[in-house]
Structures are given as C-alpha cells and as structure tokens.
Amino acid sequence: KKEPAGYGFLIFFYPDLATEIKNGFPMIKHIVRVEAHPENVSGRIEQAIKILQGPMPEPNSDCPFCSWFGKVKEYYV
C-alpha cells in the first residue's frame, strides 16, 4: 500500500480574453501545488457540503468571477 504523497494539484482552466481565436477556443491553464493533510479530508468535505447547500454569498466587487456571474446569473438561477 502506498502512503499519501502529502501534496496534490489544483488545475484551473478558464477562457483567455484575447480578441482572436486561434486554433480553437483559447484557454488559460493555471496549476497550483497544494499541501495535503489526509486526516483533514472528511471534515473538509463535510464543510464544503454545508457551504454548497447554504445560501449564495453576496458578490465581492473586486472579484472577476463574481462580476461574470452577476452578468449571466439570469441564465443559471
């Protein structure tokens, strides 16, 4: 049995806001290495479920994702 490595990776893909589309739809890839603590996984999952089942938080004016969602939320809510 292998022991956990103690780290993992989060990989984010989001559209490149360039004005030209070359060879398909351009995406930006952002990879972040994060330290992992396997003993905390159950508690974190329970916390995430609680947050996801709760009310939508108010958007932050400095957040580009909040700004985007404000523009498209009528299509999702």
PDB file of N, CA and C in Angstrom:
ATOM      1  N   LYS A   1       0.848  -1.184   0.000  1.00  0.00           N
ATOM      2  CA  LYS A   1       0.000   0.000   0.000  1.00  0.00           C
ATOM      3  C   LYS A   1       0.887   1.239   0.000  1.00  0.00           C
ATOM      4  N   LYS A   2       0.588   2.175  -0.895  1.00  0.00           N
ATOM      5  CA  LYS A   2       1.353   3.422  -0.964  1.00  0.00           C
ATOM      6  C   LYS A   2       0.816   4.434   0.042  1.00  0.00           C
ATOM      7  N   GLU A   3       1.727   5.153   0.636  1.00  0.00           N
ATOM      8  CA  GLU A   3       1.349   6.235   1.541  1.00  0.00           C
ATOM      9  C   GLU A   3       1.002   7.478   0.717  1.00  0.00           C
ATOM     10  N   PRO A   4       0.107   8.334   1.234  1.00  0.00           N
ATOM     11  CA  PRO A   4      -0.200   9.582   0.517  1.00  0.00           C
ATOM     12  C   PRO A   4       1.055  10.434   0.352  1.00  0.00           C
ATOM     13  N   ALA A   5       1.136  11.146  -0.747  1.00  0.00           N
ATOM     14  CA  ALA A   5       2.312  11.961  -1.056  1.00  0.00           C
ATOM     15  C   ALA A   5       2.417  13.201  -0.177  1.00  0.00           C
ATOM     16  N   GLY A   6       1.311  13.646   0.399  1.00  0.00           N
ATOM     17  CA  GLY A   6       1.350  14.853   1.215  1.00  0.00           C
ATOM     18  C   GLY A   6       1.151  16.126   0.405  1.00  0.00           C
ATOM     19  N   TYR A   7       0.864  15.976  -0.872  1.00  0.00           N
ATOM     20  CA  TYR A   7       0.575  17.138  -1.709  1.00  0.00           C
ATOM     21  C   TYR A   7      -0.330  16.709  -2.859  1.00  0.00           C
ATOM     22  N   GLY A   8      -0.923  17.694  -3.483  1.00  0.00           N
ATOM     23  CA  GLY A   8      -1.769  17.454  -4.644  1.00  0.00           C
ATOM     24  C   GLY A   8      -1.722  18.679  -5.539  1.00  0.00           C
ATOM     25  N   PHE A   9      -2.516  18.659  -6.591  1.00  0.00           N
ATOM     26  CA  PHE A   9      -2.527  19.775  -7.530  1.00  0.00           C
ATOM     27  C   PHE A   9      -3.955  20.205  -7.807  1.00  0.00           C
ATOM     28  N   LEU A  10      -4.168  21.505  -7.860  1.00  0.00           N
ATOM     29  CA  LEU A  10      -5.420  22.077  -8.339  1.00  0.00           C
ATOM     30  C   LEU A  10      -5.132  22.616  -9.733  1.00  0.00           C
ATOM     31  N   ILE A  11      -5.969  22.259 -10.678  1.00  0.00           N
ATOM     32  CA  ILE A  11      -5.772  22.707 -12.054  1.00  0.00           C
ATOM     33  C   ILE A  11      -7.013  23.486 -12.476  1.00  0.00           C
ATOM     34  N   PHE A  12      -6.802  24.736 -12.853  1.00  0.00           N
ATOM     35  CA  PHE A  12      -7.885  25.616 -13.260  1.00  0.00           C
ATOM     36  C   PHE A  12      -7.774  25.883 -14.759  1.00  0.00           C
ATOM     37  N   PHE A  13      -8.896  25.829 -15.448  1.00  0.00           N
ATOM     38  CA  PHE A  13      -8.978  26.191 -16.859  1.00  0.00           C
ATOM     39  C   PHE A  13     -10.031  27.284 -16.976  1.00  0.00           C
ATOM     40  N   TYR A  14      -9.683  28.374 -17.640  1.00  0.00           N
ATOM     41  CA  TYR A  14     -10.671  29.416 -17.881  1.00  0.00           C
ATOM     42  C   TYR A  14     -10.356  30.111 -19.199  1.00  0.00           C
ATOM     43  N   PRO A  15     -11.380  30.746 -19.808  1.00  0.00           N
ATOM     44  CA  PRO A  15     -11.184  31.316 -21.140  1.00  0.00           C
ATOM     45  C   PRO A  15     -10.173  32.453 -21.148  1.00  0.00           C
ATOM     46  N   ASP A  16      -9.369  32.483 -22.194  1.00  0.00           N
ATOM     47  CA  ASP A  16      -8.445  33.588 -22.426  1.00  0.00           C
ATOM     48  C   ASP A  16      -9.261  34.714 -23.063  1.00  0.00           C
ATOM     49  N   LEU A  17      -9.162  35.897 -22.521  1.00  0.00           N
ATOM     50  CA  LEU A  17      -9.973  37.008 -23.015  1.00  0.00           C
ATOM     51  C   LEU A  17      -9.336  37.718 -24.210  1.00  0.00           C
ATOM     52  N   ALA A  18      -8.477  37.017 -24.924  1.00  0.00           N
ATOM     53  CA  ALA A  18      -7.853  37.577 -26.126  1.00  0.00           C
ATOM     54  C   ALA A  18      -8.929  37.878 -27.168  1.00  0.00           C
ATOM     55  N   THR A  19      -8.625  38.791 -28.048  1.00  0.00           N
ATOM     56  CA  THR A  19      -9.616  39.174 -29.056  1.00  0.00           C
ATOM     57  C   THR A  19      -9.662  38.215 -30.239  1.00  0.00           C
ATOM     58  N   GLU A  20      -8.642  37.406 -30.424  1.00  0.00           N
ATOM     59  CA  GLU A  20      -8.614  36.473 -31.548  1.00  0.00           C
ATOM     60  C   GLU A  20      -8.728  35.032 -31.063  1.00  0.00           C
ATOM     61  N   ILE A  21      -9.406  34.233 -31.851  1.00  0.00           N
ATOM     62  CA  ILE A  21      -9.466  32.800 -31.569  1.00  0.00           C
ATOM     63  C   ILE A  21      -8.556  32.115 -32.575  1.00  0.00           C
ATOM     64  N   LYS A  22      -7.523  31.473 -32.052  1.00  0.00           N
ATOM     65  CA  LYS A  22      -6.563  30.774 -32.906  1.00  0.00           C
ATOM     66  C   LYS A  22      -6.607  29.289 -32.566  1.00  0.00           C
ATOM     67  N   ASN A  23      -6.803  28.468 -33.553  1.00  0.00           N
ATOM     68  CA  ASN A  23      -6.805  27.014 -33.351  1.00  0.00           C
ATOM     69  C   ASN A  23      -7.777  26.588 -32.260  1.00  0.00           C
ATOM     70  N   GLY A  24      -8.994  27.071 -32.323  1.00  0.00           N
ATOM     71  CA  GLY A  24      -9.989  26.695 -31.329  1.00  0.00           C
ATOM     72  C   GLY A  24     -10.191  27.785 -30.291  1.00  0.00           C
ATOM     73  N   PHE A  25     -10.807  27.421 -29.202  1.00  0.00           N
ATOM     74  CA  PHE A  25     -11.133  28.369 -28.134  1.00  0.00           C
ATOM     75  C   PHE A  25      -9.963  28.443 -27.159  1.00  0.00           C
ATOM     76  N   PRO A  26      -9.302  29.604 -27.038  1.00  0.00           N
ATOM     77  CA  PRO A  26      -8.109  29.689 -26.184  1.00  0.00           C
ATOM     78  C   PRO A  26      -8.455  29.617 -24.697  1.00  0.00           C
ATOM     79  N   MET A  27      -7.727  28.804 -23.984  1.00  0.00           N
ATOM     80  CA  MET A  27      -7.939  28.648 -22.543  1.00  0.00           C
ATOM     81  C   MET A  27      -6.631  28.907 -21.807  1.00  0.00           C
ATOM     82  N   ILE A  28      -6.752  29.470 -20.628  1.00  0.00           N
ATOM     83  CA  ILE A  28      -5.606  29.660 -19.744  1.00  0.00           C
ATOM     84  C   ILE A  28      -5.606  28.497 -18.762  1.00  0.00           C
ATOM     85  N   LYS A  29      -4.450  27.909 -18.545  1.00  0.00           N
ATOM     86  CA  LYS A  29      -4.304  26.810 -17.586  1.00  0.00           C
ATOM     87  C   LYS A  29      -3.471  27.324 -16.416  1.00  0.00           C
ATOM     88  N   HIS A  30      -3.963  27.104 -15.210  1.00  0.00           N
ATOM     89  CA  HIS A  30      -3.248  27.552 -14.013  1.00  0.00           C
ATOM     90  C   HIS A  30      -3.151  26.354 -13.073  1.00  0.00           C
ATOM     91  N   ILE A  31      -1.934  25.949 -12.746  1.00  0.00           N
ATOM     92  CA  ILE A  31      -1.710  24.775 -11.899  1.00  0.00           C
ATOM     93  C   ILE A  31      -1.091  25.230 -10.584  1.00  0.00           C
ATOM     94  N   VAL A  32      -1.690  24.775  -9.484  1.00  0.00           N
ATOM     95  CA  VAL A  32      -1.211  25.145  -8.156  1.00  0.00           C
ATOM     96  C   VAL A  32      -0.937  23.875  -7.359  1.00  0.00           C
ATOM     97  N   ARG A  33       0.268  23.761  -6.822  1.00  0.00           N
ATOM     98  CA  ARG A  33       0.587  22.637  -5.939  1.00  0.00           C
ATOM     99  C   ARG A  33       0.135  23.019  -4.533  1.00  0.00           C
ATOM    100  N   VAL A  34      -0.587  22.122  -3.882  1.00  0.00           N
ATOM    101  CA  VAL A  34      -1.078  22.386  -2.531  1.00  0.00           C
ATOM    102  C   VAL A  34      -0.650  21.261  -1.600  1.00  0.00           C
ATOM    103  N   GLU A  35      -0.352  21.632  -0.389  1.00  0.00           N
ATOM    104  CA  GLU A  35      -0.029  20.631   0.623  1.00  0.00           C
ATOM    105  C   GLU A  35      -1.313  19.903   1.009  1.00  0.00           C
ATOM    106  N   ALA A  36      -1.227  18.626   1.253  1.00  0.00           N
ATOM    107  CA  ALA A  36      -2.394  17.821   1.592  1.00  0.00           C
ATOM    108  C   ALA A  36      -2.224  17.215   2.978  1.00  0.00           C
ATOM    109  N   HIS A  37      -3.327  17.138   3.680  1.00  0.00           N
ATOM    110  CA  HIS A  37      -3.349  16.522   5.003  1.00  0.00           C
ATOM    111  C   HIS A  37      -4.521  15.534   5.016  1.00  0.00           C
ATOM    112  N   PRO A  38      -4.268  14.276   4.662  1.00  0.00           N
ATOM    113  CA  PRO A  38      -5.343  13.288   4.525  1.00  0.00           C
ATOM    114  C   PRO A  38      -6.249  13.181   5.750  1.00  0.00           C
ATOM    115  N   GLU A  39      -5.709  13.436   6.913  1.00  0.00           N
ATOM    116  CA  GLU A  39      -6.511  13.325   8.132  1.00  0.00           C
ATOM    117  C   GLU A  39      -7.601  14.393   8.209  1.00  0.00           C
ATOM    118  N   ASN A  40      -7.501  15.446   7.398  1.00  0.00           N
ATOM    119  CA  ASN A  40      -8.484  16.530   7.417  1.00  0.00           C
ATOM    120  C   ASN A  40      -9.556  16.408   6.332  1.00  0.00           C
ATOM    121  N   VAL A  41      -9.454  15.401   5.480  1.00  0.00           N
ATOM    122  CA  VAL A  41     -10.328  15.314   4.309  1.00  0.00           C
ATOM    123  C   VAL A  41     -11.802  15.213   4.688  1.00  0.00           C
ATOM    124  N   SER A  42     -12.163  14.339   5.589  1.00  0.00           N
ATOM    125  CA  SER A  42     -13.580  14.152   5.935  1.00  0.00           C
ATOM    126  C   SER A  42     -14.211  15.442   6.428  1.00  0.00           C
ATOM    127  N   GLY A  43     -13.519  16.131   7.317  1.00  0.00           N
ATOM    128  CA  GLY A  43     -14.043  17.389   7.846  1.00  0.00           C
ATOM    129  C   GLY A  43     -14.191  18.451   6.771  1.00  0.00           C
ATOM    130  N   ARG A  44     -13.242  18.505   5.862  1.00  0.00           N
ATOM    131  CA  ARG A  44     -13.304  19.498   4.777  1.00  0.00           C
ATOM    132  C   ARG A  44     -14.466  19.200   3.831  1.00  0.00           C
ATOM    133  N   ILE A  45     -14.683  17.929   3.531  1.00  0.00           N
ATOM    134  CA  ILE A  45     -15.800  17.563   2.653  1.00  0.00           C
ATOM    135  C   ILE A  45     -17.121  17.930   3.311  1.00  0.00           C
ATOM    136  N   GLU A  46     -17.263  17.635   4.601  1.00  0.00           N
ATOM    137  CA  GLU A  46     -18.491  17.990   5.323  1.00  0.00           C
ATOM    138  C   GLU A  46     -18.705  19.502   5.315  1.00  0.00           C
ATOM    139  N   GLN A  47     -17.634  20.267   5.509  1.00  0.00           N
ATOM    140  CA  GLN A  47     -17.722  21.726   5.496  1.00  0.00           C
ATOM    141  C   GLN A  47     -18.130  22.225   4.108  1.00  0.00           C
ATOM    142  N   ALA A  48     -17.563  21.647   3.058  1.00  0.00           N
ATOM    143  CA  ALA A  48     -17.900  22.049   1.687  1.00  0.00           C
ATOM    144  C   ALA A  48     -19.373  21.776   1.383  1.00  0.00           C
ATOM    145  N   ILE A  49     -19.875  20.616   1.800  1.00  0.00           N
ATOM    146  CA  ILE A  49     -21.285  20.278   1.577  1.00  0.00           C
ATOM    147  C   ILE A  49     -22.181  21.287   2.276  1.00  0.00           C
ATOM    148  N   LYS A  50     -21.849  21.632   3.501  1.00  0.00           N
ATOM    149  CA  LYS A  50     -22.642  22.606   4.265  1.00  0.00           C
ATOM    150  C   LYS A  50     -22.673  23.954   3.542  1.00  0.00           C
ATOM    151  N   ILE A  51     -21.527  24.402   3.050  1.00  0.00           N
ATOM    152  CA  ILE A  51     -21.456  25.686   2.340  1.00  0.00           C
ATOM    153  C   ILE A  51     -22.244  25.626   1.037  1.00  0.00           C
ATOM    154  N   LEU A  52     -22.081  24.547   0.275  1.00  0.00           N
ATOM    155  CA  LEU A  52     -22.766  24.428  -1.013  1.00  0.00           C
ATOM    156  C   LEU A  52     -24.281  24.334  -0.867  1.00  0.00           C
ATOM    157  N   GLN A  53     -24.750  23.785   0.250  1.00  0.00           N
ATOM    158  CA  GLN A  53     -26.184  23.675   0.476  1.00  0.00           C
ATOM    159  C   GLN A  53     -26.770  24.951   1.074  1.00  0.00           C
ATOM    160  N   GLY A  54     -25.910  25.880   1.481  1.00  0.00           N
ATOM    161  CA  GLY A  54     -26.361  27.138   2.071  1.00  0.00           C
ATOM    162  C   GLY A  54     -26.713  28.169   1.008  1.00  0.00           C
ATOM    163  N   PRO A  55     -27.061  29.369   1.462  1.00  0.00           N
ATOM    164  CA  PRO A  55     -27.424  30.430   0.517  1.00  0.00           C
ATOM    165  C   PRO A  55     -26.205  30.938  -0.250  1.00  0.00           C
ATOM    166  N   MET A  56     -26.451  31.490  -1.426  1.00  0.00           N
ATOM    167  CA  MET A  56     -25.396  32.068  -2.254  1.00  0.00           C
ATOM    168  C   MET A  56     -24.863  33.314  -1.540  1.00  0.00           C
ATOM    169  N   PRO A  57     -23.547  33.430  -1.372  1.00  0.00           N
ATOM    170  CA  PRO A  57     -22.998  34.632  -0.728  1.00  0.00           C
ATOM    171  C   PRO A  57     -23.133  35.848  -1.646  1.00  0.00           C
ATOM    172  N   GLU A  58     -23.084  37.026  -1.050  1.00  0.00           N
ATOM    173  CA  GLU A  58     -23.123  38.263  -1.831  1.00  0.00           C
ATOM    174  C   GLU A  58     -21.838  38.384  -2.651  1.00  0.00           C
ATOM    175  N   PRO A  59     -21.918  38.907  -3.868  1.00  0.00           N
ATOM    176  CA  PRO A  59     -20.708  39.055  -4.688  1.00  0.00           C
ATOM    177  C   PRO A  59     -19.784  40.132  -4.143  1.00  0.00           C
ATOM    178  N   ASN A  60     -18.502  39.959  -4.381  1.00  0.00           N
ATOM    179  CA  ASN A  60     -17.494  40.940  -3.995  1.00  0.00           C
ATOM    180  C   ASN A  60     -17.168  41.779  -5.226  1.00  0.00           C
ATOM    181  N   SER A  61     -17.153  43.096  -5.074  1.00  0.00           N
ATOM    182  CA  SER A  61     -16.932  43.974  -6.228  1.00  0.00           C
ATOM    183  C   SER A  61     -15.543  43.815  -6.840  1.00  0.00           C
ATOM    184  N   ASP A  62     -14.582  43.278  -6.091  1.00  0.00           N
ATOM    185  CA  ASP A  62     -13.221  43.091  -6.598  1.00  0.00           C
ATOM    186  C   ASP A  62     -13.002  41.737  -7.270  1.00  0.00           C
ATOM    187  N   CYS A  63     -14.022  40.893  -7.287  1.00  0.00           N
ATOM    188  CA  CYS A  63     -13.866  39.522  -7.783  1.00  0.00           C
ATOM    189  C   CYS A  63     -14.326  39.420  -9.240  1.00  0.00           C
ATOM    190  N   PRO A  64     -13.422  39.053 -10.169  1.00  0.00           N
ATOM    191  CA  PRO A  64     -13.837  38.947 -11.577  1.00  0.00           C
ATOM    192  C   PRO A  64     -14.850  37.828 -11.812  1.00  0.00           C
ATOM    193  N   PHE A  65     -14.802  36.762 -11.031  1.00  0.00           N
ATOM    194  CA  PHE A  65     -15.761  35.670 -11.192  1.00  0.00           C
ATOM    195  C   PHE A  65     -17.140  36.092 -10.702  1.00  0.00           C
ATOM    196  N   CYS A  66     -17.189  36.885  -9.614  1.00  0.00           N
ATOM    197  CA  CYS A  66     -18.466  37.411  -9.124  1.00  0.00           C
ATOM    198  C   CYS A  66     -19.074  38.348 -10.164  1.00  0.00           C
ATOM    199  N   SER A  67     -18.240  39.170 -10.784  1.00  0.00           N
ATOM    200  CA  SER A  67     -18.701  40.097 -11.816  1.00  0.00           C
ATOM    201  C   SER A  67     -19.282  39.321 -12.995  1.00  0.00           C
ATOM    202  N   TRP A  68     -18.589  38.280 -13.420  1.00  0.00           N
ATOM    203  CA  TRP A  68     -19.068  37.449 -14.522  1.00  0.00           C
ATOM    204  C   TRP A  68     -20.406  36.813 -14.160  1.00  0.00           C
ATOM    205  N   PHE A  69     -20.502  36.254 -12.965  1.00  0.00           N
ATOM    206  CA  PHE A  69     -21.734  35.574 -12.577  1.00  0.00           C
ATOM    207  C   PHE A  69     -22.892  36.561 -12.496  1.00  0.00           C
ATOM    208  N   GLY A  70     -22.598  37.795 -12.044  1.00  0.00           N
ATOM    209  CA  GLY A  70     -23.641  38.812 -11.995  1.00  0.00           C
ATOM    210  C   GLY A  70     -24.247  39.075 -13.364  1.00  0.00           C
ATOM    211  N   LYS A  71     -23.443  38.950 -14.401  1.00  0.00           N
ATOM    212  CA  LYS A  71     -23.910  39.197 -15.764  1.00  0.00           C
ATOM    213  C   LYS A  71     -24.682  38.012 -16.345  1.00  0.00           C
ATOM    214  N   VAL A  72     -24.385  36.805 -15.917  1.00  0.00           N
ATOM    215  CA  VAL A  72     -25.003  35.623 -16.535  1.00  0.00           C
ATOM    216  C   VAL A  72     -25.946  34.861 -15.607  1.00  0.00           C
ATOM    217  N   LYS A  73     -26.111  35.317 -14.369  1.00  0.00           N
ATOM    218  CA  LYS A  73     -26.877  34.521 -13.403  1.00  0.00           C
ATOM    219  C   LYS A  73     -28.323  34.286 -13.809  1.00  0.00           C
ATOM    220  N   GLU A  74     -28.905  35.206 -14.601  1.00  0.00           N
ATOM    221  CA  GLU A  74     -30.284  35.001 -15.024  1.00  0.00           C
ATOM    222  C   GLU A  74     -30.434  33.715 -15.832  1.00  0.00           C
ATOM    223  N   TYR A  75     -29.361  33.238 -16.430  1.00  0.00           N
ATOM    224  CA  TYR A  75     -29.410  32.005 -17.203  1.00  0.00           C
ATOM    225  C   TYR A  75     -29.249  30.758 -16.336  1.00  0.00           C
ATOM    226  N   TYR A  76     -28.770  30.930 -15.094  1.00  0.00           N
ATOM    227  CA  TYR A  76     -28.477  29.794 -14.226  1.00  0.00           C
ATOM    228  C   TYR A  76     -29.404  29.688 -13.025  1.00  0.00           C
ATOM    229  N   VAL A  77     -29.995  30.783 -12.603  1.00  0.00           N
ATOM    230  CA  VAL A  77     -30.806  30.777 -11.375  1.00  0.00           C
ATOM    231  C   VAL A  77     -32.265  30.802 -11.726  1.00  0.00           C
TER     232      VAL A  77
END
